Protein backbone atom coordinates (compact mmCIF):
# COMPACT_ATOMS: atom_id res chain seq x y z
CA UNK A 1 93.01 105.58 113.08
CA UNK A 2 94.62 102.87 115.11
CA UNK A 3 93.67 101.98 118.63
CA UNK A 4 96.38 102.15 121.26
CA UNK A 5 97.27 99.96 124.19
CA UNK A 6 95.57 101.49 127.21
CA UNK A 7 97.78 103.62 129.45
CA UNK A 8 96.17 102.29 132.63
CA UNK A 9 97.57 98.81 131.91
CA UNK A 10 101.09 100.26 131.75
CA UNK A 11 100.49 102.32 134.88
CA UNK A 12 99.19 99.31 136.80
CA UNK A 13 102.26 97.34 135.81
CA UNK A 14 104.76 100.11 136.61
CA UNK A 15 103.17 101.31 139.85
CA UNK A 16 102.24 97.83 141.09
CA UNK A 17 98.77 98.97 142.01
CA UNK A 18 95.49 98.95 140.12
CA UNK A 19 94.89 102.03 137.95
CA UNK A 20 91.51 102.04 136.22
CA UNK A 21 90.04 103.95 133.29
CA UNK A 22 88.06 106.27 135.54
CA UNK A 23 91.18 107.40 137.39
CA UNK A 24 92.92 108.30 134.13
CA UNK A 25 89.76 109.91 132.72
CA UNK A 26 89.41 112.06 135.85
CA UNK A 27 93.03 113.17 135.50
CA UNK A 28 92.39 114.21 131.88
CA UNK A 29 89.13 115.96 132.80
CA UNK A 30 86.97 113.79 130.56
CA UNK A 31 84.37 111.07 131.06
CA UNK A 32 85.41 107.44 131.17
CA UNK A 33 83.62 106.92 127.85
CA UNK A 34 85.48 109.80 126.17
CA UNK A 35 88.78 108.43 127.46
CA UNK A 36 87.88 104.95 126.21
CA UNK A 37 86.95 106.36 122.80
CA UNK A 38 90.25 108.26 122.57
CA UNK A 39 92.17 105.03 123.24
CA UNK A 40 90.07 103.02 120.81
CA UNK A 41 90.26 105.67 118.07
CA UNK A 42 93.91 106.57 118.63
CA UNK A 43 93.11 110.22 119.33
CA UNK A 44 95.03 110.68 122.57
CA UNK A 45 97.09 113.86 122.35
CA UNK A 46 100.66 114.55 123.36
CA UNK A 47 99.23 116.67 126.18
CA UNK A 48 97.21 113.67 127.39
CA UNK A 49 100.24 111.37 127.46
CA UNK A 50 102.42 114.02 129.07
CA UNK A 51 99.83 114.69 131.80
CA UNK A 52 99.49 110.97 132.52
CA UNK A 53 103.26 110.40 132.73
CA UNK A 54 103.84 113.46 134.90
CA UNK A 55 100.94 112.78 137.28
CA UNK A 56 101.88 109.15 137.87
CA UNK A 57 105.65 109.72 137.76
CA UNK A 58 106.38 107.31 134.92
CA UNK A 59 108.69 107.68 131.96
CA UNK A 60 106.92 109.39 129.05
CA UNK A 61 108.89 107.48 126.38
CA UNK A 62 108.10 104.19 128.12
CA UNK A 63 104.41 105.09 128.19
CA UNK A 64 104.38 106.10 124.52
CA UNK A 65 106.18 102.91 123.58
CA UNK A 66 103.77 100.73 125.60
CA UNK A 67 100.79 102.42 123.97
CA UNK A 68 102.22 101.82 120.50
CA UNK A 69 102.64 105.50 119.67
CA UNK A 70 106.41 105.28 119.15
CA UNK A 71 108.76 102.41 118.48
CA UNK A 72 111.81 102.13 120.73
CA UNK A 73 114.05 101.58 117.67
CA UNK A 74 112.87 104.97 116.35
CA UNK A 75 113.83 106.53 119.69
CA UNK A 76 117.30 104.98 119.39
CA UNK A 77 117.63 106.33 115.83
CA UNK A 78 116.55 109.77 117.04
CA UNK A 79 119.10 109.72 119.86
CA UNK A 80 121.80 108.72 117.37
CA UNK A 81 120.88 111.78 115.29
CA UNK A 82 120.93 114.07 118.32
CA UNK A 83 124.32 112.75 119.38
CA UNK A 84 125.76 113.07 115.87
CA UNK A 85 125.99 109.36 115.08
CA UNK A 86 124.66 107.64 111.97
CA UNK A 87 121.41 105.94 113.01
CA UNK A 88 121.31 102.15 112.96
CA UNK A 89 118.26 102.24 110.73
CA UNK A 90 116.48 99.70 112.92
CA UNK A 91 113.48 102.00 113.33
CA UNK A 92 110.35 101.86 111.20
CA UNK A 93 111.92 104.33 108.78
CA UNK A 94 115.54 103.73 107.86
CA UNK A 95 115.68 106.94 105.79
CA UNK A 96 117.59 108.87 108.45
CA UNK A 97 120.69 106.72 107.97
CA UNK A 98 120.63 107.44 104.25
CA UNK A 99 120.16 111.16 104.89
CA UNK A 100 123.29 111.42 107.01
CA UNK A 101 125.51 109.33 104.74
CA UNK A 102 124.82 111.39 101.58
CA UNK A 103 127.06 114.34 100.76
CA UNK A 104 125.05 117.48 101.48
CA UNK A 105 125.23 120.93 102.97
CA UNK A 106 124.86 121.60 106.69
CA UNK A 107 121.64 123.55 106.05
CA UNK A 108 120.07 120.69 104.10
CA UNK A 109 121.12 118.17 106.75
CA UNK A 110 119.64 120.28 109.55
CA UNK A 111 116.33 120.49 107.68
CA UNK A 112 116.32 116.73 107.06
CA UNK A 113 117.19 115.97 110.69
CA UNK A 114 114.35 118.25 111.85
CA UNK A 115 111.95 116.45 109.51
CA UNK A 116 113.16 113.07 110.82
CA UNK A 117 112.66 114.21 114.43
CA UNK A 118 109.05 115.10 113.65
CA UNK A 119 108.53 111.74 111.88
CA UNK A 120 109.87 109.78 114.83
CA UNK A 121 107.75 111.42 117.49
CA UNK A 122 104.55 112.08 115.58
CA UNK A 123 104.15 108.82 113.69
CA UNK A 124 101.41 106.65 115.09
CA UNK A 125 99.27 109.38 116.56
CA UNK A 126 96.68 111.24 114.58
CA UNK A 127 95.79 113.92 117.11
CA UNK A 128 98.94 116.07 116.71
């Protein structure tokens, strides 16, 4: 498992006030040590990130990107898929561009797009 950049560093930067590990741990209902271990071991959950973003009023995608859970190029590729465009392929996995340029049935494409969506938003976290 990979460690992540700590959310409190992003929060401090975005909110322009000091946010420490204890404050985030309290929000998540865990000890500071458990929170620290989750960051170090890369076991933060989607619920953890969502709770942090919502509580502090920051953008969830920005937080996930800062922490190294998702790559912004993957988000762009995902948005291209959602909006019906061929992805640029700049993300960590350029397979989505190939999927949409091959002749195929609508059913197959929908299944492949769904798989790509899961790849984009799950990659990098091991707690999902």
